[in-house]
PDB file of N, CA and C in Angstrom:
ATOM      1  N   MET A   1      81.067-177.534 155.341  1.00  0.00           N
ATOM      2  CA  MET A   1      80.478-177.969 156.319  1.00  0.00           C
ATOM      3  C   MET A   1      79.680-177.275 157.023  1.00  0.00           C
ATOM      4  N   LYS A   2      78.581-178.019 157.897  1.00  0.00           N
ATOM      5  CA  LYS A   2      77.515-177.676 158.233  1.00  0.00           C
ATOM      6  C   LYS A   2      77.066-178.355 159.402  1.00  0.00           C
ATOM      7  N   ALA A   3      76.640-177.886 160.649  1.00  0.00           N
ATOM      8  CA  ALA A   3      76.115-178.380 161.510  1.00  0.00           C
ATOM      9  C   ALA A   3      74.880-178.041 161.998  1.00  0.00           C
ATOM     10  N   ALA A   4      74.205-179.253 163.220  1.00  0.00           N
ATOM     11  CA  ALA A   4      72.830-178.607 163.342  1.00  0.00           C
ATOM     12  C   ALA A   4      72.973-179.153 164.903  1.00  0.00           C
ATOM     13  N   ARG A   5      71.876-178.348 165.887  1.00  0.00           N
ATOM     14  CA  ARG A   5      71.984-179.472 167.179  1.00  0.00           C
ATOM     15  C   ARG A   5      70.455-179.462 167.435  1.00  0.00           C
ATOM     16  N   PHE A   6      70.008-180.701 167.954  1.00  0.00           N
ATOM     17  CA  PHE A   6      68.579-181.437 168.280  1.00  0.00           C
ATOM     18  C   PHE A   6      68.704-181.495 169.202  1.00  0.00           C
ATOM     19  N   PHE A   7      66.970-180.968 169.852  1.00  0.00           N
ATOM     20  CA  PHE A   7      66.779-181.361 171.092  1.00  0.00           C
ATOM     21  C   PHE A   7      65.498-182.755 170.880  1.00  0.00           C
ATOM     22  N   ILE A   8      65.701-183.497 171.975  1.00  0.00           N
ATOM     23  CA  ILE A   8      64.749-184.777 171.297  1.00  0.00           C
ATOM     24  C   ILE A   8      64.118-185.665 172.555  1.00  0.00           C
ATOM     25  N   GLN A   9      62.631-185.079 172.483  1.00  0.00           N
ATOM     26  CA  GLN A   9      61.763-185.411 173.971  1.00  0.00           C
ATOM     27  C   GLN A   9      60.843-186.641 173.758  1.00  0.00           C
ATOM     28  N   GLY A  10      60.400-187.657 174.948  1.00  0.00           N
ATOM     29  CA  GLY A  10      60.020-188.391 175.154  1.00  0.00           C
ATOM     30  C   GLY A  10      60.364-189.173 175.753  1.00  0.00           C
ATOM     31  N   LYS A  11      60.582-190.766 174.953  1.00  0.00           N
ATOM     32  CA  LYS A  11      61.387-191.801 175.951  1.00  0.00           C
ATOM     33  C   LYS A  11      62.485-191.977 175.247  1.00  0.00           C
ATOM     34  N   VAL A  12      63.338-191.359 176.130  1.00  0.00           N
ATOM     35  CA  VAL A  12      64.763-190.903 175.040  1.00  0.00           C
ATOM     36  C   VAL A  12      65.534-191.382 175.763  1.00  0.00           C
ATOM     37  N   GLN A  13      65.577-191.449 177.255  1.00  0.00           N
ATOM     38  CA  GLN A  13      66.852-191.349 178.139  1.00  0.00           C
ATOM     39  C   GLN A  13      66.656-193.492 178.688  1.00  0.00           C
ATOM     40  N   GLY A  14      67.653-193.935 178.470  1.00  0.00           N
ATOM     41  CA  GLY A  14      67.520-195.343 179.244  1.00  0.00           C
ATOM     42  C   GLY A  14      67.069-196.384 178.231  1.00  0.00           C
ATOM     43  N   VAL A  15      67.221-196.291 176.717  1.00  0.00           N
ATOM     44  CA  VAL A  15      66.546-196.952 175.931  1.00  0.00           C
ATOM     45  C   VAL A  15      67.975-197.125 174.816  1.00  0.00           C
ATOM     46  N   TRP A  16      68.814-196.676 175.126  1.00  0.00           N
ATOM     47  CA  TRP A  16      70.364-196.974 173.939  1.00  0.00           C
ATOM     48  C   TRP A  16      70.324-195.748 172.956  1.00  0.00           C
ATOM     49  N   PHE A  17      69.580-194.523 173.533  1.00  0.00           N
ATOM     50  CA  PHE A  17      68.913-193.507 172.406  1.00  0.00           C
ATOM     51  C   PHE A  17      70.901-193.118 171.909  1.00  0.00           C
ATOM     52  N   ARG A  18      71.309-192.422 173.144  1.00  0.00           N
ATOM     53  CA  ARG A  18      72.922-191.795 172.967  1.00  0.00           C
ATOM     54  C   ARG A  18      73.525-193.226 171.670  1.00  0.00           C
ATOM     55  N   ALA A  19      73.271-194.352 172.164  1.00  0.00           N
ATOM     56  CA  ALA A  19      74.148-194.957 171.636  1.00  0.00           C
ATOM     57  C   ALA A  19      74.094-195.258 170.320  1.00  0.00           C
ATOM     58  N   SER A  20      72.683-195.097 169.688  1.00  0.00           N
ATOM     59  CA  SER A  20      72.843-196.254 168.282  1.00  0.00           C
ATOM     60  C   SER A  20      72.274-194.549 167.461  1.00  0.00           C
ATOM     61  N   THR A  21      72.054-193.325 168.190  1.00  0.00           N
ATOM     62  CA  THR A  21      72.338-192.031 167.406  1.00  0.00           C
ATOM     63  C   THR A  21      74.096-191.925 167.495  1.00  0.00           C
ATOM     64  N   CYS A  22      74.962-192.203 168.209  1.00  0.00           N
ATOM     65  CA  CYS A  22      76.656-191.925 167.717  1.00  0.00           C
ATOM     66  C   CYS A  22      76.740-193.157 166.578  1.00  0.00           C
ATOM     67  N   GLU A  23      76.013-194.661 166.843  1.00  0.00           N
ATOM     68  CA  GLU A  23      76.361-195.244 165.608  1.00  0.00           C
ATOM     69  C   GLU A  23      76.023-194.604 164.229  1.00  0.00           C
ATOM     70  N   GLN A  24      74.760-194.478 164.460  1.00  0.00           N
ATOM     71  CA  GLN A  24      74.252-193.733 162.923  1.00  0.00           C
ATOM     72  C   GLN A  24      75.008-192.946 162.396  1.00  0.00           C
ATOM     73  N   ALA A  25      75.263-191.645 163.598  1.00  0.00           N
ATOM     74  CA  ALA A  25      75.970-190.223 163.313  1.00  0.00           C
ATOM     75  C   ALA A  25      77.116-191.043 162.720  1.00  0.00           C
ATOM     76  N   GLN A  26      78.133-192.171 162.822  1.00  0.00           N
ATOM     77  CA  GLN A  26      78.937-192.601 162.782  1.00  0.00           C
ATOM     78  C   GLN A  26      79.379-192.920 161.344  1.00  0.00           C
ATOM     79  N   GLN A  27      78.403-193.967 160.961  1.00  0.00           N
ATOM     80  CA  GLN A  27      77.697-194.302 159.625  1.00  0.00           C
ATOM     81  C   GLN A  27      77.464-193.620 158.475  1.00  0.00           C
ATOM     82  N   LEU A  28      77.349-192.078 159.038  1.00  0.00           N
ATOM     83  CA  LEU A  28      77.294-191.001 157.906  1.00  0.00           C
ATOM     84  C   LEU A  28      78.178-190.043 157.651  1.00  0.00           C
ATOM     85  N   GLY A  29      79.177-190.425 159.252  1.00  0.00           N
ATOM     86  CA  GLY A  29      80.641-189.385 158.566  1.00  0.00           C
ATOM     87  C   GLY A  29      79.945-187.955 159.337  1.00  0.00           C
ATOM     88  N   LEU A  30      79.267-188.656 160.426  1.00  0.00           N
ATOM     89  CA  LEU A  30      79.239-186.807 160.985  1.00  0.00           C
ATOM     90  C   LEU A  30      80.408-187.136 162.982  1.00  0.00           C
ATOM     91  N   ARG A  31      80.536-185.581 162.867  1.00  0.00           N
ATOM     92  CA  ARG A  31      80.935-185.150 163.679  1.00  0.00           C
ATOM     93  C   ARG A  31      80.247-184.544 165.221  1.00  0.00           C
ATOM     94  N   GLY A  32      80.448-184.808 166.110  1.00  0.00           N
ATOM     95  CA  GLY A  32      79.199-184.188 167.535  1.00  0.00           C
ATOM     96  C   GLY A  32      79.662-184.876 168.178  1.00  0.00           C
ATOM     97  N   TYR A  33      78.492-185.209 169.421  1.00  0.00           N
ATOM     98  CA  TYR A  33      77.691-185.566 170.257  1.00  0.00           C
ATOM     99  C   TYR A  33      76.292-185.842 170.501  1.00  0.00           C
ATOM    100  N   ALA A  34      76.160-187.125 171.734  1.00  0.00           N
ATOM    101  CA  ALA A  34      74.623-187.071 171.796  1.00  0.00           C
ATOM    102  C   ALA A  34      74.903-187.047 173.463  1.00  0.00           C
ATOM    103  N   ARG A  35      73.891-186.405 173.923  1.00  0.00           N
ATOM    104  CA  ARG A  35      74.419-186.457 175.721  1.00  0.00           C
ATOM    105  C   ARG A  35      72.579-185.846 176.280  1.00  0.00           C
ATOM    106  N   ASN A  36      72.736-186.925 177.395  1.00  0.00           N
ATOM    107  CA  ASN A  36      71.168-186.684 178.425  1.00  0.00           C
ATOM    108  C   ASN A  36      71.137-184.929 179.150  1.00  0.00           C
ATOM    109  N   LEU A  37      69.928-184.654 179.002  1.00  0.00           N
ATOM    110  CA  LEU A  37      69.756-183.234 179.497  1.00  0.00           C
ATOM    111  C   LEU A  37      68.974-183.995 181.003  1.00  0.00           C
ATOM    112  N   PRO A  38      69.398-182.601 182.077  1.00  0.00           N
ATOM    113  CA  PRO A  38      68.767-183.153 183.259  1.00  0.00           C
ATOM    114  C   PRO A  38      66.775-183.075 183.074  1.00  0.00           C
ATOM    115  N   ASP A  39      66.714-182.634 182.211  1.00  0.00           N
ATOM    116  CA  ASP A  39      64.953-182.372 181.606  1.00  0.00           C
ATOM    117  C   ASP A  39      64.482-183.873 181.250  1.00  0.00           C
ATOM    118  N   GLY A  40      64.983-184.892 181.000  1.00  0.00           N
ATOM    119  CA  GLY A  40      64.800-185.899 180.153  1.00  0.00           C
ATOM    120  C   GLY A  40      65.227-186.455 178.647  1.00  0.00           C
ATOM    121  N   ARG A  41      65.421-185.246 178.365  1.00  0.00           N
ATOM    122  CA  ARG A  41      65.330-184.604 176.736  1.00  0.00           C
ATOM    123  C   ARG A  41      67.084-185.296 176.295  1.00  0.00           C
ATOM    124  N   VAL A  42      67.044-185.515 174.982  1.00  0.00           N
ATOM    125  CA  VAL A  42      68.490-185.728 174.848  1.00  0.00           C
ATOM    126  C   VAL A  42      69.064-184.137 173.789  1.00  0.00           C
ATOM    127  N   GLU A  43      70.132-184.111 173.764  1.00  0.00           N
ATOM    128  CA  GLU A  43      70.808-183.087 172.952  1.00  0.00           C
ATOM    129  C   GLU A  43      72.071-183.611 171.799  1.00  0.00           C
ATOM    130  N   VAL A  44      71.681-183.369 170.630  1.00  0.00           N
ATOM    131  CA  VAL A  44      72.290-184.233 169.974  1.00  0.00           C
ATOM    132  C   VAL A  44      73.095-182.899 169.033  1.00  0.00           C
ATOM    133  N   LEU A  45      74.355-182.903 168.866  1.00  0.00           N
ATOM    134  CA  LEU A  45      75.393-181.809 167.952  1.00  0.00           C
ATOM    135  C   LEU A  45      75.919-182.838 167.002  1.00  0.00           C
ATOM    136  N   ALA A  46      75.431-181.873 165.371  1.00  0.00           N
ATOM    137  CA  ALA A  46      76.190-183.227 164.479  1.00  0.00           C
ATOM    138  C   ALA A  46      76.404-182.156 163.259  1.00  0.00           C
ATOM    139  N   ALA A  47      77.892-182.136 163.036  1.00  0.00           N
ATOM    140  CA  ALA A  47      78.658-181.678 162.618  1.00  0.00           C
ATOM    141  C   ALA A  47      78.874-182.145 160.913  1.00  0.00           C
ATOM    142  N   GLY A  48      78.552-181.631 159.349  1.00  0.00           N
ATOM    143  CA  GLY A  48      79.312-182.965 158.483  1.00  0.00           C
ATOM    144  C   GLY A  48      78.427-182.190 157.198  1.00  0.00           C
ATOM    145  N   GLU A  49      78.531-182.981 156.314  1.00  0.00           N
ATOM    146  CA  GLU A  49      77.512-182.808 155.054  1.00  0.00           C
ATOM    147  C   GLU A  49      75.934-182.226 155.509  1.00  0.00           C
ATOM    148  N   GLY A  50      75.292-181.618 154.784  1.00  0.00           N
ATOM    149  CA  GLY A  50      74.371-181.304 154.904  1.00  0.00           C
ATOM    150  C   GLY A  50      73.144-182.706 154.867  1.00  0.00           C
ATOM    151  N   GLU A  51      73.597-183.286 153.524  1.00  0.00           N
ATOM    152  CA  GLU A  51      72.959-184.637 153.433  1.00  0.00           C
ATOM    153  C   GLU A  51      73.115-185.703 154.005  1.00  0.00           C
ATOM    154  N   ALA A  52      73.879-185.618 154.918  1.00  0.00           N
ATOM    155  CA  ALA A  52      74.208-186.830 156.258  1.00  0.00           C
ATOM    156  C   ALA A  52      73.334-186.044 157.248  1.00  0.00           C
ATOM    157  N   ILE A  53      73.698-184.489 157.813  1.00  0.00           N
ATOM    158  CA  ILE A  53      72.811-184.097 158.647  1.00  0.00           C
ATOM    159  C   ILE A  53      70.757-184.232 158.876  1.00  0.00           C
ATOM    160  N   ASP A  54      70.749-184.449 157.205  1.00  0.00           N
ATOM    161  CA  ASP A  54      69.427-184.290 156.950  1.00  0.00           C
ATOM    162  C   ASP A  54      68.843-185.435 157.553  1.00  0.00           C
ATOM    163  N   ALA A  55      69.953-186.448 156.954  1.00  0.00           N
ATOM    164  CA  ALA A  55      69.547-187.952 157.227  1.00  0.00           C
ATOM    165  C   ALA A  55      69.560-188.574 158.576  1.00  0.00           C
ATOM    166  N   LEU A  56      69.904-188.208 159.599  1.00  0.00           N
ATOM    167  CA  LEU A  56      71.001-187.968 160.912  1.00  0.00           C
ATOM    168  C   LEU A  56      69.399-187.484 161.714  1.00  0.00           C
ATOM    169  N   ASP A  57      68.724-186.116 161.225  1.00  0.00           N
ATOM    170  CA  ASP A  57      67.445-185.932 161.730  1.00  0.00           C
ATOM    171  C   ASP A  57      66.050-186.938 161.466  1.00  0.00           C
ATOM    172  N   ALA A  58      66.692-186.987 159.960  1.00  0.00           N
ATOM    173  CA  ALA A  58      65.413-188.139 159.699  1.00  0.00           C
ATOM    174  C   ALA A  58      65.135-189.620 160.420  1.00  0.00           C
ATOM    175  N   TRP A  59      66.179-190.008 160.826  1.00  0.00           N
ATOM    176  CA  TRP A  59      66.962-191.212 161.927  1.00  0.00           C
ATOM    177  C   TRP A  59      65.972-190.856 163.150  1.00  0.00           C
ATOM    178  N   LEU A  60      66.501-189.906 163.333  1.00  0.00           N
ATOM    179  CA  LEU A  60      65.960-189.083 165.195  1.00  0.00           C
ATOM    180  C   LEU A  60      64.500-188.953 165.574  1.00  0.00           C
ATOM    181  N   GLN A  61      63.735-188.266 164.640  1.00  0.00           N
ATOM    182  CA  GLN A  61      62.259-188.958 164.301  1.00  0.00           C
ATOM    183  C   GLN A  61      61.891-190.038 164.958  1.00  0.00           C
ATOM    184  N   ARG A  62      62.282-191.050 164.883  1.00  0.00           N
ATOM    185  CA  ARG A  62      61.586-192.356 165.217  1.00  0.00           C
ATOM    186  C   ARG A  62      63.147-192.994 166.416  1.00  0.00           C
ATOM    187  N   GLY A  63      64.332-192.515 165.672  1.00  0.00           N
ATOM    188  CA  GLY A  63      64.886-192.983 166.748  1.00  0.00           C
ATOM    189  C   GLY A  63      65.447-194.626 166.634  1.00  0.00           C
ATOM    190  N   PRO A  64      65.768-195.329 168.181  1.00  0.00           N
ATOM    191  CA  PRO A  64      65.452-196.408 167.956  1.00  0.00           C
ATOM    192  C   PRO A  64      64.800-197.147 168.658  1.00  0.00           C
ATOM    193  N   PRO A  65      64.548-199.089 168.175  1.00  0.00           N
ATOM    194  CA  PRO A  65      63.109-199.637 168.777  1.00  0.00           C
ATOM    195  C   PRO A  65      62.517-199.092 170.357  1.00  0.00           C
ATOM    196  N   GLN A  66      63.284-198.981 170.913  1.00  0.00           N
ATOM    197  CA  GLN A  66      62.868-198.705 172.427  1.00  0.00           C
ATOM    198  C   GLN A  66      62.184-197.426 172.981  1.00  0.00           C
ATOM    199  N   ALA A  67      62.986-196.341 172.129  1.00  0.00           N
ATOM    200  CA  ALA A  67      62.332-195.329 172.311  1.00  0.00           C
ATOM    201  C   ALA A  67      60.968-194.607 172.088  1.00  0.00           C
ATOM    202  N   GLU A  68      60.577-193.665 172.596  1.00  0.00           N
ATOM    203  CA  GLU A  68      59.153-192.981 171.811  1.00  0.00           C
ATOM    204  C   GLU A  68      59.715-191.588 171.844  1.00  0.00           C
ATOM    205  N   VAL A  69      59.923-191.309 170.772  1.00  0.00           N
ATOM    206  CA  VAL A  69      60.313-189.955 170.651  1.00  0.00           C
ATOM    207  C   VAL A  69      58.832-189.446 170.347  1.00  0.00           C
ATOM    208  N   GLY A  70      59.119-188.284 171.017  1.00  0.00           N
ATOM    209  CA  GLY A  70      57.665-187.296 171.360  1.00  0.00           C
ATOM    210  C   GLY A  70      57.694-185.858 170.365  1.00  0.00           C
ATOM    211  N   GLY A  71      58.984-185.979 170.246  1.00  0.00           N
ATOM    212  CA  GLY A  71      59.111-184.512 169.272  1.00  0.00           C
ATOM    213  C   GLY A  71      60.790-184.132 169.076  1.00  0.00           C
ATOM    214  N   VAL A  72      61.550-183.402 167.700  1.00  0.00           N
ATOM    215  CA  VAL A  72      62.700-183.149 167.999  1.00  0.00           C
ATOM    216  C   VAL A  72      62.027-181.629 167.144  1.00  0.00           C
ATOM    217  N   ARG A  73      63.364-180.955 167.739  1.00  0.00           N
ATOM    218  CA  ARG A  73      63.337-179.592 167.475  1.00  0.00           C
ATOM    219  C   ARG A  73      64.990-179.491 166.991  1.00  0.00           C
ATOM    220  N   ARG A  74      64.744-178.988 166.200  1.00  0.00           N
ATOM    221  CA  ARG A  74      66.347-178.426 165.444  1.00  0.00           C
ATOM    222  C   ARG A  74      66.843-176.640 164.656  1.00  0.00           C
ATOM    223  N   GLU A  75      68.214-176.732 165.545  1.00  0.00           N
ATOM    224  CA  GLU A  75      68.200-175.577 165.248  1.00  0.00           C
ATOM    225  C   GLU A  75      69.717-175.504 164.488  1.00  0.00           C
ATOM    226  N   ALA A  76      70.241-174.244 163.961  1.00  0.00           N
ATOM    227  CA  ALA A  76      71.645-174.337 163.769  1.00  0.00           C
ATOM    228  C   ALA A  76      72.181-174.441 164.553  1.00  0.00           C
ATOM    229  N   ALA A  77      73.810-174.534 164.050  1.00  0.00           N
ATOM    230  CA  ALA A  77      75.006-174.826 165.220  1.00  0.00           C
ATOM    231  C   ALA A  77      75.868-174.438 164.913  1.00  0.00           C
ATOM    232  N   ASP A  78      77.314-174.298 165.649  1.00  0.00           N
ATOM    233  CA  ASP A  78      78.417-173.921 165.114  1.00  0.00           C
ATOM    234  C   ASP A  78      79.405-175.252 164.990  1.00  0.00           C
ATOM    235  N   PRO A  79      79.827-175.615 163.511  1.00  0.00           N
ATOM    236  CA  PRO A  79      80.502-176.785 163.446  1.00  0.00           C
ATOM    237  C   PRO A  79      81.744-176.801 163.884  1.00  0.00           C
ATOM    238  N   ASP A  80      82.190-175.626 164.651  1.00  0.00           N
ATOM    239  CA  ASP A  80      83.017-175.739 165.518  1.00  0.00           C
ATOM    240  C   ASP A  80      83.067-176.521 167.045  1.00  0.00           C
ATOM    241  N   GLU A  81      81.815-176.990 167.384  1.00  0.00           N
ATOM    242  CA  GLU A  81      81.675-177.009 168.764  1.00  0.00           C
ATOM    243  C   GLU A  81      81.409-178.577 168.385  1.00  0.00           C
ATOM    244  N   ALA A  82      81.633-179.154 167.486  1.00  0.00           N
ATOM    245  CA  ALA A  82      81.643-180.391 167.337  1.00  0.00           C
ATOM    246  C   ALA A  82      82.899-181.505 167.777  1.00  0.00           C
ATOM    247  N   GLY A  83      83.979-180.808 167.659  1.00  0.00           N
ATOM    248  CA  GLY A  83      84.753-181.371 167.801  1.00  0.00           C
ATOM    249  C   GLY A  83      85.429-182.458 166.710  1.00  0.00           C
ATOM    250  N   SER A  84      86.274-183.623 167.209  1.00  0.00           N
ATOM    251  CA  SER A  84      86.645-184.955 166.377  1.00  0.00           C
ATOM    252  C   SER A  84      85.629-185.693 166.915  1.00  0.00           C
ATOM    253  N   GLY A  85      85.390-186.773 165.835  1.00  0.00           N
ATOM    254  CA  GLY A  85      84.871-187.830 165.998  1.00  0.00           C
ATOM    255  C   GLY A  85      83.412-187.757 166.566  1.00  0.00           C
ATOM    256  N   PHE A  86      82.850-188.689 167.190  1.00  0.00           N
ATOM    257  CA  PHE A  86      81.306-188.758 167.518  1.00  0.00           C
ATOM    258  C   PHE A  86      81.263-189.295 168.708  1.00  0.00           C
ATOM    259  N   ALA A  87      81.335-188.495 170.032  1.00  0.00           N
ATOM    260  CA  ALA A  87      81.020-188.826 171.510  1.00  0.00           C
ATOM    261  C   ALA A  87      79.845-188.869 172.257  1.00  0.00           C
ATOM    262  N   ILE A  88      79.096-190.019 173.286  1.00  0.00           N
ATOM    263  CA  ILE A  88      78.701-189.810 174.023  1.00  0.00           C
ATOM    264  C   ILE A  88      78.503-189.547 175.514  1.00  0.00           C
ATOM    265  N   GLY A  89      77.957-188.256 175.557  1.00  0.00           N
ATOM    266  CA  GLY A  89      78.034-187.608 176.991  1.00  0.00           C
ATOM    267  C   GLY A  89      76.977-187.928 177.869  1.00  0.00           C
TER     268      GLY A  89
END
């Protein structure tokens, strides 16, 4: 099992980004969370199969239709941080 943490910037709050990310992650069988950060970014932690994490990464690059993604930073993460299921924080 692998894990990655993503920081997404741009117009990503107030546009259903977290809920859409949760839906995508669940379809890919990933665990983790999506939460807003005080600086306007969204943080996503995803754990699961490497191919599924890569697929989520590709989706995060564009996000839901209402979002305007300005950039995505990906970092390695500890799968134990993901918990069970995928949550919106």
